[in-house]
Every structure is written in structure tokens, then in C-alpha cells.
């Protein structure tokens, strides 16, 4: 219940950001409008990243606790306080680098500090680690589903929804600003869309079978001892491969996430 209460308390932030963006679109002159808008969205994208990766890690700890391991709870990691979870490299350096490389548009990828678990405490010794590994990506998909369905039922025309989302992610400024101004729900729709799309992408990203991502733990749960050589190779070089993919080879994840979002939220 404490976990759900912390999530509920975070929602007013979304509406404050939406109000600021709506006010900015109405009051700012065109010469500063775009820069103000991009600053707000960039900051909010980082907040979405922090919140989503924190929910992701707390979900790991909550599943471990459900399975009988209280290590994360005793360490104070079953909390949505981002300061308890932020990893300097994965939560700050990598996302900021991606923002700089893409002029603030993303997509963003990153991770939080893993929650501590002790698999020997699990009631389910055979599949416990698999369940804990799956809990993180599933939490991202759940967030994506919730905000995607909200987007679907916001009172905007389907063509306007499509215009807002795809002009934002393709940086079509001459289309984006009029689209956002066309409805008072436009800014809120864009913010919820960013949350949904990024969480689809982050859920898929975390299923990649590369340490330290959850996909590696899922893969290792199914591999027999004769694949120990592969496990050692991935443990040794997985992070380097992952960094290369983040900066040069994960655009397909974001493209797929956009397609899933369009089907779910726009139709």
C-alpha cells in the first residue's frame, strides 16, 4: 500500500507540468516559445526516466519481498525516492549524453542502481530469479498501458493525436506548435504520450540479454551448465556491447515502441 500511495502522490507533478506548458503556449511570443517548450519537455523527459527506472527497480524488490526475501526492504530500497536508486552513470551520464547527441529530443535510455536481493531466501528456488527479473520490464509495460489508454480516451481527434506525437519525435516544429495549440488537452496528451512511449521502449530495452539488464537474468535462468562459457562472455563484455547499442544500435526499439503506442493510444 505504501508503494501505491507513493505513485499516487507523484501524479500532481504531471498536471503541473501540463499547466506550465499550456500557459507557455498561450502567453509566450514565437521567438522564445519553441525554446521554452523544448526545455520543459527535456526536463520532464528526464523526470519520466527517473520515475520509470525507480518504479522498475522497486518492482524487482517488491517481487523479491513477495517471494520471501526482505533484503531490499531492509536496505530501504522499496521506496520511490529517486535518491535511493539513482546510478550516476546509468541514470545521469548516459541520458544526458543522449540528450546532447539528439538536441534534447531523445530517445532516452538508462538504468538505476540494482536493488539488492538474496535468491537463497526465495520460496521458489527454481523460478524465483526469473520472476524477479521479469517484474521490472512488466512494470514499465504496465505504466505504458495505463498512460497509453488515458491518451486513447482524451477528447482529441485521431489525426491531431498523430500530428502531436510524430511531429514532436520528428522535430517538425512548424507542425507541433499549432497542433498543441489546437486543443487545451494537447500538452497533457503529449506528456502522457512521452511517458507511455518511453516505458514501452525501456521495457523492451531491459529485455535485451546483456548484463546488467534483466534480459540476461531471464536468459541465464534457462541456460544449462554447458552454456557457462556464454555466460562468462556476456558477464565480461555485456556492458561494453550494451553501451555500443545504446548510442548506435537501439533506434529499432524506439521505432517499435512508437508502433505499439500508435496501435494502443491512437488506433
C-alpha atoms as a PDB file:
ATOM      1  CA  UNK A   1       0.000   0.000   0.000  1.00  0.00           C
ATOM      2  CA  UNK A   2       2.872   2.404   0.745  1.00  0.00           C
ATOM      3  CA  UNK A   3       4.250   1.727  -2.750  1.00  0.00           C
ATOM      4  CA  UNK A   4       0.886   2.565  -4.387  1.00  0.00           C
ATOM      5  CA  UNK A   5       0.499   5.665  -2.232  1.00  0.00           C
ATOM      6  CA  UNK A   6       3.877   6.977  -3.360  1.00  0.00           C
ATOM      7  CA  UNK A   7       2.866   6.511  -7.005  1.00  0.00           C
ATOM      8  CA  UNK A   8      -0.414   8.374  -6.412  1.00  0.00           C
ATOM      9  CA  UNK A   9       1.388  11.293  -4.762  1.00  0.00           C
ATOM     10  CA  UNK A  10       3.614  11.736  -7.826  1.00  0.00           C
ATOM     11  CA  UNK A  11       0.735  12.352 -10.271  1.00  0.00           C
ATOM     12  CA  UNK A  12       0.152  16.061  -9.407  1.00  0.00           C
ATOM     13  CA  UNK A  13       3.595  16.795 -10.898  1.00  0.00           C
ATOM     14  CA  UNK A  14       2.302  15.707 -14.307  1.00  0.00           C
ATOM     15  CA  UNK A  15      -0.592  18.151 -14.156  1.00  0.00           C
ATOM     16  CA  UNK A  16       1.647  20.999 -13.008  1.00  0.00           C
ATOM     17  CA  UNK A  17       3.952  20.425 -15.974  1.00  0.00           C
ATOM     18  CA  UNK A  18       0.945  20.263 -18.306  1.00  0.00           C
ATOM     19  CA  UNK A  19      -0.384  23.559 -16.923  1.00  0.00           C
ATOM     20  CA  UNK A  20       3.004  25.264 -17.341  1.00  0.00           C
ATOM     21  CA  UNK A  21       3.280  24.014 -20.917  1.00  0.00           C
ATOM     22  CA  UNK A  22      -0.297  25.099 -21.746  1.00  0.00           C
ATOM     23  CA  UNK A  23       0.289  28.542 -20.235  1.00  0.00           C
ATOM     24  CA  UNK A  24       3.572  28.877 -22.126  1.00  0.00           C
ATOM     25  CA  UNK A  25       1.948  28.004 -25.440  1.00  0.00           C
ATOM     26  CA  UNK A  26      -0.690  30.699 -24.924  1.00  0.00           C
ATOM     27  CA  UNK A  27       1.432  33.522 -23.488  1.00  0.00           C
ATOM     28  CA  UNK A  28       4.909  33.245 -25.000  1.00  0.00           C
ATOM     29  CA  UNK A  29       5.907  35.042 -28.185  1.00  0.00           C
ATOM     30  CA  UNK A  30       7.026  32.839 -31.097  1.00  0.00           C
ATOM     31  CA  UNK A  31      10.723  33.689 -30.755  1.00  0.00           C
ATOM     32  CA  UNK A  32      11.007  32.073 -27.308  1.00  0.00           C
ATOM     33  CA  UNK A  33       8.103  29.645 -27.488  1.00  0.00           C
ATOM     34  CA  UNK A  34       9.981  26.732 -29.000  1.00  0.00           C
ATOM     35  CA  UNK A  35      12.991  27.023 -26.680  1.00  0.00           C
ATOM     36  CA  UNK A  36      10.771  27.218 -23.603  1.00  0.00           C
ATOM     37  CA  UNK A  37       8.757  24.266 -24.801  1.00  0.00           C
ATOM     38  CA  UNK A  38      11.830  22.137 -25.524  1.00  0.00           C
ATOM     39  CA  UNK A  39      13.322  22.994 -22.119  1.00  0.00           C
ATOM     40  CA  UNK A  40      10.159  21.904 -20.328  1.00  0.00           C
ATOM     41  CA  UNK A  41       9.844  18.676 -22.307  1.00  0.00           C
ATOM     42  CA  UNK A  42      13.543  17.848 -21.888  1.00  0.00           C
ATOM     43  CA  UNK A  43      13.358  18.303 -18.128  1.00  0.00           C
ATOM     44  CA  UNK A  44      10.141  16.334 -17.974  1.00  0.00           C
ATOM     45  CA  UNK A  45      11.635  13.531 -20.081  1.00  0.00           C
ATOM     46  CA  UNK A  46      14.423  13.204 -17.515  1.00  0.00           C
ATOM     47  CA  UNK A  47      11.856  13.148 -14.707  1.00  0.00           C
ATOM     48  CA  UNK A  48       9.934  10.435 -16.563  1.00  0.00           C
ATOM     49  CA  UNK A  49      13.167   8.452 -16.895  1.00  0.00           C
ATOM     50  CA  UNK A  50      13.981   8.784 -13.192  1.00  0.00           C
ATOM     51  CA  UNK A  51      10.459   7.854 -12.110  1.00  0.00           C
ATOM     52  CA  UNK A  52      10.204   4.912 -14.516  1.00  0.00           C
ATOM     53  CA  UNK A  53      13.554   3.350 -13.666  1.00  0.00           C
ATOM     54  CA  UNK A  54      12.795   3.780  -9.958  1.00  0.00           C
ATOM     55  CA  UNK A  55       9.431   2.007 -10.367  1.00  0.00           C
ATOM     56  CA  UNK A  56      11.308  -0.638 -12.350  1.00  0.00           C
ATOM     57  CA  UNK A  57      13.805  -1.301  -9.558  1.00  0.00           C
ATOM     58  CA  UNK A  58      11.208  -1.119  -6.779  1.00  0.00           C
ATOM     59  CA  UNK A  59       9.212  -3.735  -8.680  1.00  0.00           C
ATOM     60  CA  UNK A  60      12.215  -6.064  -8.546  1.00  0.00           C
ATOM     61  CA  UNK A  61      12.464  -5.547  -4.792  1.00  0.00           C
ATOM     62  CA  UNK A  62       8.722  -5.923  -4.277  1.00  0.00           C
ATOM     63  CA  UNK A  63       8.682  -9.228  -6.160  1.00  0.00           C
ATOM     64  CA  UNK A  64      11.675 -10.466  -4.163  1.00  0.00           C
ATOM     65  CA  UNK A  65       9.866  -9.480  -0.956  1.00  0.00           C
ATOM     66  CA  UNK A  66       6.755 -11.351  -2.142  1.00  0.00           C
ATOM     67  CA  UNK A  67       8.938 -14.413  -2.710  1.00  0.00           C
ATOM     68  CA  UNK A  68      10.319 -14.247   0.832  1.00  0.00           C
ATOM     69  CA  UNK A  69      13.450 -12.084   0.518  1.00  0.00           C
ATOM     70  CA  UNK A  70      13.401  -8.888   2.597  1.00  0.00           C
ATOM     71  CA  UNK A  71      16.901  -7.720   1.621  1.00  0.00           C
ATOM     72  CA  UNK A  72      15.659  -4.778  -0.470  1.00  0.00           C
ATOM     73  CA  UNK A  73      13.164  -3.727   2.184  1.00  0.00           C
ATOM     74  CA  UNK A  74      15.800  -3.811   4.924  1.00  0.00           C
ATOM     75  CA  UNK A  75      18.078  -1.693   2.722  1.00  0.00           C
ATOM     76  CA  UNK A  76      15.333   0.916   2.322  1.00  0.00           C
ATOM     77  CA  UNK A  77      15.030   0.312  -1.427  1.00  0.00           C
ATOM     78  CA  UNK A  78      11.265  -0.268  -1.557  1.00  0.00           C
ATOM     79  CA  UNK A  79      10.821   3.478  -1.931  1.00  0.00           C
ATOM     80  CA  UNK A  80      10.083   5.791  -4.844  1.00  0.00           C
ATOM     81  CA  UNK A  81      12.619   8.303  -3.541  1.00  0.00           C
ATOM     82  CA  UNK A  82      14.941   8.592  -6.575  1.00  0.00           C
ATOM     83  CA  UNK A  83      17.944   9.442  -4.406  1.00  0.00           C
ATOM     84  CA  UNK A  84      17.931   5.867  -3.122  1.00  0.00           C
ATOM     85  CA  UNK A  85      18.102   4.412  -6.633  1.00  0.00           C
ATOM     86  CA  UNK A  86      19.984   6.778  -8.955  1.00  0.00           C
ATOM     87  CA  UNK A  87      23.096   5.368 -10.584  1.00  0.00           C
ATOM     88  CA  UNK A  88      25.466   8.191 -11.555  1.00  0.00           C
ATOM     89  CA  UNK A  89      26.426   6.598 -14.858  1.00  0.00           C
ATOM     90  CA  UNK A  90      23.186   4.891 -15.905  1.00  0.00           C
ATOM     91  CA  UNK A  91      20.715   7.488 -14.573  1.00  0.00           C
ATOM     92  CA  UNK A  92      22.590  10.720 -15.303  1.00  0.00           C
ATOM     93  CA  UNK A  93      25.618  10.475 -17.603  1.00  0.00           C
ATOM     94  CA  UNK A  94      24.087   8.181 -20.259  1.00  0.00           C
ATOM     95  CA  UNK A  95      20.708  10.029 -20.520  1.00  0.00           C
ATOM     96  CA  UNK A  96      22.356  13.460 -20.619  1.00  0.00           C
ATOM     97  CA  UNK A  97      24.774  12.260 -23.294  1.00  0.00           C
ATOM     98  CA  UNK A  98      21.857  11.018 -25.385  1.00  0.00           C
ATOM     99  CA  UNK A  99      20.048  14.332 -24.932  1.00  0.00           C
ATOM    100  CA  UNK A 100      23.104  16.249 -26.097  1.00  0.00           C
ATOM    101  CA  UNK A 101      23.562  13.963 -29.101  1.00  0.00           C
ATOM    102  CA  UNK A 102      19.913  14.328 -30.164  1.00  0.00           C
ATOM    103  CA  UNK A 103      19.469  18.036 -29.366  1.00  0.00           C
ATOM    104  CA  UNK A 104      17.107  17.298 -26.495  1.00  0.00           C
ATOM    105  CA  UNK A 105      14.671  15.019 -28.374  1.00  0.00           C
ATOM    106  CA  UNK A 106      15.897  11.600 -27.264  1.00  0.00           C
ATOM    107  CA  UNK A 107      15.089   8.779 -27.198  1.00  0.00           C
ATOM    108  CA  UNK A 108      16.473   8.318 -23.715  1.00  0.00           C
ATOM    109  CA  UNK A 109      17.791   5.098 -22.254  1.00  0.00           C
ATOM    110  CA  UNK A 110      19.226   4.461 -18.818  1.00  0.00           C
ATOM    111  CA  UNK A 111      19.039   2.405 -15.664  1.00  0.00           C
ATOM    112  CA  UNK A 112      19.023   2.743 -11.885  1.00  0.00           C
ATOM    113  CA  UNK A 113      21.142   1.154  -9.203  1.00  0.00           C
ATOM    114  CA  UNK A 114      20.053  -2.510  -8.903  1.00  0.00           C
ATOM    115  CA  UNK A 115      18.153  -3.382  -5.740  1.00  0.00           C
ATOM    116  CA  UNK A 116      19.933  -5.924  -3.509  1.00  0.00           C
ATOM    117  CA  UNK A 117      18.367  -9.361  -3.394  1.00  0.00           C
ATOM    118  CA  UNK A 118      19.320 -12.715  -1.907  1.00  0.00           C
ATOM    119  CA  UNK A 119      17.936 -15.507  -4.115  1.00  0.00           C
ATOM    120  CA  UNK A 120      18.651 -18.090  -1.403  1.00  0.00           C
ATOM    121  CA  UNK A 121      15.721 -16.591   0.534  1.00  0.00           C
ATOM    122  CA  UNK A 122      13.228 -17.180  -2.279  1.00  0.00           C
ATOM    123  CA  UNK A 123      10.392 -19.584  -1.629  1.00  0.00           C
ATOM    124  CA  UNK A 124      10.550 -20.508  -5.304  1.00  0.00           C
ATOM    125  CA  UNK A 125      14.162 -21.572  -5.792  1.00  0.00           C
ATOM    126  CA  UNK A 126      13.621 -22.785  -9.375  1.00  0.00           C
ATOM    127  CA  UNK A 127      11.978 -19.746 -10.930  1.00  0.00           C
ATOM    128  CA  UNK A 128      12.410 -17.037  -8.278  1.00  0.00           C
ATOM    129  CA  UNK A 129      15.167 -15.153 -10.085  1.00  0.00           C
ATOM    130  CA  UNK A 130      13.200 -15.301 -13.331  1.00  0.00           C
ATOM    131  CA  UNK A 131      10.124 -13.804 -11.631  1.00  0.00           C
ATOM    132  CA  UNK A 132      12.197 -11.016 -10.066  1.00  0.00           C
ATOM    133  CA  UNK A 133      13.855 -10.237 -13.414  1.00  0.00           C
ATOM    134  CA  UNK A 134      10.506 -10.080 -15.230  1.00  0.00           C
ATOM    135  CA  UNK A 135       8.937  -7.780 -12.624  1.00  0.00           C
ATOM    136  CA  UNK A 136      10.964  -4.762 -13.799  1.00  0.00           C
ATOM    137  CA  UNK A 137      10.066  -4.744 -17.513  1.00  0.00           C
ATOM    138  CA  UNK A 138       6.473  -5.690 -16.703  1.00  0.00           C
ATOM    139  CA  UNK A 139       6.196  -2.584 -14.500  1.00  0.00           C
ATOM    140  CA  UNK A 140       7.307  -0.456 -17.470  1.00  0.00           C
ATOM    141  CA  UNK A 141       4.756  -2.110 -19.741  1.00  0.00           C
ATOM    142  CA  UNK A 142       2.048  -1.535 -17.119  1.00  0.00           C
ATOM    143  CA  UNK A 143       2.891   2.190 -16.897  1.00  0.00           C
ATOM    144  CA  UNK A 144       2.870   2.370 -20.703  1.00  0.00           C
ATOM    145  CA  UNK A 145      -0.540   0.686 -20.834  1.00  0.00           C
ATOM    146  CA  UNK A 146      -2.093   2.974 -18.202  1.00  0.00           C
ATOM    147  CA  UNK A 147      -0.923   6.226 -19.782  1.00  0.00           C
ATOM    148  CA  UNK A 148      -1.499   4.925 -23.307  1.00  0.00           C
ATOM    149  CA  UNK A 149      -5.145   4.144 -22.528  1.00  0.00           C
ATOM    150  CA  UNK A 150      -5.563   7.584 -20.956  1.00  0.00           C
ATOM    151  CA  UNK A 151      -4.220   9.062 -24.211  1.00  0.00           C
ATOM    152  CA  UNK A 152      -6.682   6.978 -26.197  1.00  0.00           C
ATOM    153  CA  UNK A 153      -9.677   8.390 -24.336  1.00  0.00           C
ATOM    154  CA  UNK A 154      -8.607  12.038 -24.156  1.00  0.00           C
ATOM    155  CA  UNK A 155     -11.036  14.110 -26.262  1.00  0.00           C
ATOM    156  CA  UNK A 156      -8.765  14.814 -29.230  1.00  0.00           C
ATOM    157  CA  UNK A 157      -9.257  13.785 -32.848  1.00  0.00           C
ATOM    158  CA  UNK A 158      -7.114  10.874 -34.009  1.00  0.00           C
ATOM    159  CA  UNK A 159      -5.428  12.994 -36.660  1.00  0.00           C
ATOM    160  CA  UNK A 160      -4.477  15.636 -34.101  1.00  0.00           C
ATOM    161  CA  UNK A 161      -3.061  12.988 -31.745  1.00  0.00           C
ATOM    162  CA  UNK A 162      -0.957  11.571 -34.560  1.00  0.00           C
ATOM    163  CA  UNK A 163       0.240  15.059 -35.515  1.00  0.00           C
ATOM    164  CA  UNK A 164       1.291  15.943 -31.950  1.00  0.00           C
ATOM    165  CA  UNK A 165       3.228  12.744 -31.274  1.00  0.00           C
ATOM    166  CA  UNK A 166       5.002  12.311 -34.569  1.00  0.00           C
ATOM    167  CA  UNK A 167       5.805  15.989 -35.098  1.00  0.00           C
ATOM    168  CA  UNK A 168       7.423  16.002 -31.647  1.00  0.00           C
ATOM    169  CA  UNK A 169       9.587  12.955 -32.266  1.00  0.00           C
ATOM    170  CA  UNK A 170      10.493  14.054 -35.802  1.00  0.00           C
ATOM    171  CA  UNK A 171      11.173  17.632 -34.642  1.00  0.00           C
ATOM    172  CA  UNK A 172       8.628  19.118 -37.081  1.00  0.00           C
ATOM    173  CA  UNK A 173       8.354  22.412 -35.238  1.00  0.00           C
ATOM    174  CA  UNK A 174       6.084  24.113 -37.742  1.00  0.00           C
ATOM    175  CA  UNK A 175       3.503  21.338 -37.211  1.00  0.00           C
ATOM    176  CA  UNK A 176       3.992  20.686 -33.499  1.00  0.00           C
ATOM    177  CA  UNK A 177       3.237  24.117 -32.020  1.00  0.00           C
ATOM    178  CA  UNK A 178      -0.060  24.664 -33.894  1.00  0.00           C
ATOM    179  CA  UNK A 179      -1.094  21.102 -33.057  1.00  0.00           C
ATOM    180  CA  UNK A 180      -0.519  21.679 -29.350  1.00  0.00           C
ATOM    181  CA  UNK A 181      -2.416  24.970 -29.509  1.00  0.00           C
ATOM    182  CA  UNK A 182      -5.384  23.338 -31.245  1.00  0.00           C
ATOM    183  CA  UNK A 183      -6.737  21.838 -28.004  1.00  0.00           C
ATOM    184  CA  UNK A 184      -6.329  22.536 -24.278  1.00  0.00           C
ATOM    185  CA  UNK A 185      -5.686  18.807 -23.885  1.00  0.00           C
ATOM    186  CA  UNK A 186      -2.765  18.877 -26.324  1.00  0.00           C
ATOM    187  CA  UNK A 187       0.060  19.399 -23.794  1.00  0.00           C
ATOM    188  CA  UNK A 188      -1.358  16.794 -21.393  1.00  0.00           C
ATOM    189  CA  UNK A 189      -1.709  14.337 -24.261  1.00  0.00           C
ATOM    190  CA  UNK A 190       1.923  14.893 -25.290  1.00  0.00           C
ATOM    191  CA  UNK A 191       3.209  14.408 -21.742  1.00  0.00           C
ATOM    192  CA  UNK A 192       1.238  11.182 -21.263  1.00  0.00           C
ATOM    193  CA  UNK A 193       2.395  10.024 -24.689  1.00  0.00           C
ATOM    194  CA  UNK A 194       6.039  10.571 -23.734  1.00  0.00           C
ATOM    195  CA  UNK A 195       5.518   8.521 -20.567  1.00  0.00           C
ATOM    196  CA  UNK A 196       3.836   5.699 -22.482  1.00  0.00           C
ATOM    197  CA  UNK A 197       6.259   5.542 -25.426  1.00  0.00           C
ATOM    198  CA  UNK A 198       9.381   5.714 -23.280  1.00  0.00           C
ATOM    199  CA  UNK A 199       8.135   2.988 -20.954  1.00  0.00           C
ATOM    200  CA  UNK A 200       7.410   0.682 -23.885  1.00  0.00           C
ATOM    201  CA  UNK A 201      10.932   1.330 -25.154  1.00  0.00           C
ATOM    202  CA  UNK A 202      12.532   0.902 -21.719  1.00  0.00           C
ATOM    203  CA  UNK A 203      10.640  -2.335 -21.097  1.00  0.00           C
ATOM    204  CA  UNK A 204      11.898  -3.774 -24.385  1.00  0.00           C
ATOM    205  CA  UNK A 205      15.386  -2.394 -23.762  1.00  0.00           C
ATOM    206  CA  UNK A 206      15.592  -4.154 -20.406  1.00  0.00           C
ATOM    207  CA  UNK A 207      14.717  -7.470 -22.041  1.00  0.00           C
ATOM    208  CA  UNK A 208      17.920  -7.410 -24.096  1.00  0.00           C
ATOM    209  CA  UNK A 209      20.017 -10.415 -22.928  1.00  0.00           C
ATOM    210  CA  UNK A 210      23.024  -8.327 -21.907  1.00  0.00           C
ATOM    211  CA  UNK A 211      24.307  -7.765 -18.354  1.00  0.00           C
ATOM    212  CA  UNK A 212      23.332  -5.858 -16.309  1.00  0.00           C
ATOM    213  CA  UNK A 213      19.890  -5.796 -17.952  1.00  0.00           C
ATOM    214  CA  UNK A 214      17.048  -8.075 -16.853  1.00  0.00           C
ATOM    215  CA  UNK A 215      17.134  -9.957 -20.120  1.00  0.00           C
ATOM    216  CA  UNK A 216      20.452 -11.505 -19.138  1.00  0.00           C
ATOM    217  CA  UNK A 217      18.981 -12.887 -15.897  1.00  0.00           C
ATOM    218  CA  UNK A 218      15.995 -14.224 -17.836  1.00  0.00           C
ATOM    219  CA  UNK A 219      18.297 -15.879 -20.371  1.00  0.00           C
ATOM    220  CA  UNK A 220      20.569 -17.347 -17.689  1.00  0.00           C
ATOM    221  CA  UNK A 221      17.526 -18.867 -15.961  1.00  0.00           C
ATOM    222  CA  UNK A 222      17.024 -21.132 -18.969  1.00  0.00           C
ATOM    223  CA  UNK A 223      20.645 -21.943 -19.855  1.00  0.00           C
ATOM    224  CA  UNK A 224      22.196 -25.174 -18.625  1.00  0.00           C
ATOM    225  CA  UNK A 225      25.729 -25.555 -17.282  1.00  0.00           C
ATOM    226  CA  UNK A 226      27.108 -26.317 -20.741  1.00  0.00           C
ATOM    227  CA  UNK A 227      26.498 -22.650 -21.631  1.00  0.00           C
ATOM    228  CA  UNK A 228      28.712 -21.348 -18.816  1.00  0.00           C
ATOM    229  CA  UNK A 229      31.175 -20.076 -21.418  1.00  0.00           C
ATOM    230  CA  UNK A 230      28.484 -17.852 -22.946  1.00  0.00           C
ATOM    231  CA  UNK A 231      27.503 -16.610 -19.505  1.00  0.00           C
ATOM    232  CA  UNK A 232      31.114 -15.669 -18.732  1.00  0.00           C
ATOM    233  CA  UNK A 233      31.487 -13.912 -22.098  1.00  0.00           C
ATOM    234  CA  UNK A 234      28.342 -11.845 -21.573  1.00  0.00           C
ATOM    235  CA  UNK A 235      29.294 -11.063 -17.977  1.00  0.00           C
ATOM    236  CA  UNK A 236      32.697  -9.810 -19.147  1.00  0.00           C
ATOM    237  CA  UNK A 237      31.748  -7.907 -22.296  1.00  0.00           C
ATOM    238  CA  UNK A 238      27.991  -7.362 -21.955  1.00  0.00           C
ATOM    239  CA  UNK A 239      28.276  -3.816 -20.599  1.00  0.00           C
ATOM    240  CA  UNK A 240      30.566  -2.722 -23.452  1.00  0.00           C
ATOM    241  CA  UNK A 241      28.199  -4.236 -26.025  1.00  0.00           C
ATOM    242  CA  UNK A 242      25.290  -2.544 -24.269  1.00  0.00           C
ATOM    243  CA  UNK A 243      26.883   0.900 -24.381  1.00  0.00           C
ATOM    244  CA  UNK A 244      27.614   0.486 -28.088  1.00  0.00           C
ATOM    245  CA  UNK A 245      23.987  -0.462 -28.722  1.00  0.00           C
ATOM    246  CA  UNK A 246      22.645   2.443 -26.650  1.00  0.00           C
ATOM    247  CA  UNK A 247      24.484   5.036 -28.721  1.00  0.00           C
ATOM    248  CA  UNK A 248      24.459   3.367 -32.141  1.00  0.00           C
ATOM    249  CA  UNK A 249      22.029   0.469 -32.398  1.00  0.00           C
ATOM    250  CA  UNK A 250      18.742   0.786 -30.476  1.00  0.00           C
ATOM    251  CA  UNK A 251      16.733   3.020 -32.812  1.00  0.00           C
ATOM    252  CA  UNK A 252      14.694  -0.052 -33.794  1.00  0.00           C
ATOM    253  CA  UNK A 253      13.449  -0.326 -30.195  1.00  0.00           C
ATOM    254  CA  UNK A 254      12.089   3.196 -30.295  1.00  0.00           C
ATOM    255  CA  UNK A 255      10.537   2.665 -33.734  1.00  0.00           C
ATOM    256  CA  UNK A 256       8.789  -0.469 -32.463  1.00  0.00           C
ATOM    257  CA  UNK A 257       7.666   1.368 -29.298  1.00  0.00           C
ATOM    258  CA  UNK A 258       6.085   4.102 -31.434  1.00  0.00           C
ATOM    259  CA  UNK A 259       4.237   1.486 -33.482  1.00  0.00           C
ATOM    260  CA  UNK A 260       2.886  -0.234 -30.347  1.00  0.00           C
ATOM    261  CA  UNK A 261       1.875   3.114 -28.871  1.00  0.00           C
ATOM    262  CA  UNK A 262       0.073   4.146 -32.061  1.00  0.00           C
ATOM    263  CA  UNK A 263      -1.940   0.917 -32.047  1.00  0.00           C
ATOM    264  CA  UNK A 264      -2.753   1.261 -28.334  1.00  0.00           C
ATOM    265  CA  UNK A 265      -3.385   5.006 -27.935  1.00  0.00           C
ATOM    266  CA  UNK A 266      -4.371   6.321 -31.353  1.00  0.00           C
ATOM    267  CA  UNK A 267      -5.761   3.344 -33.237  1.00  0.00           C
END
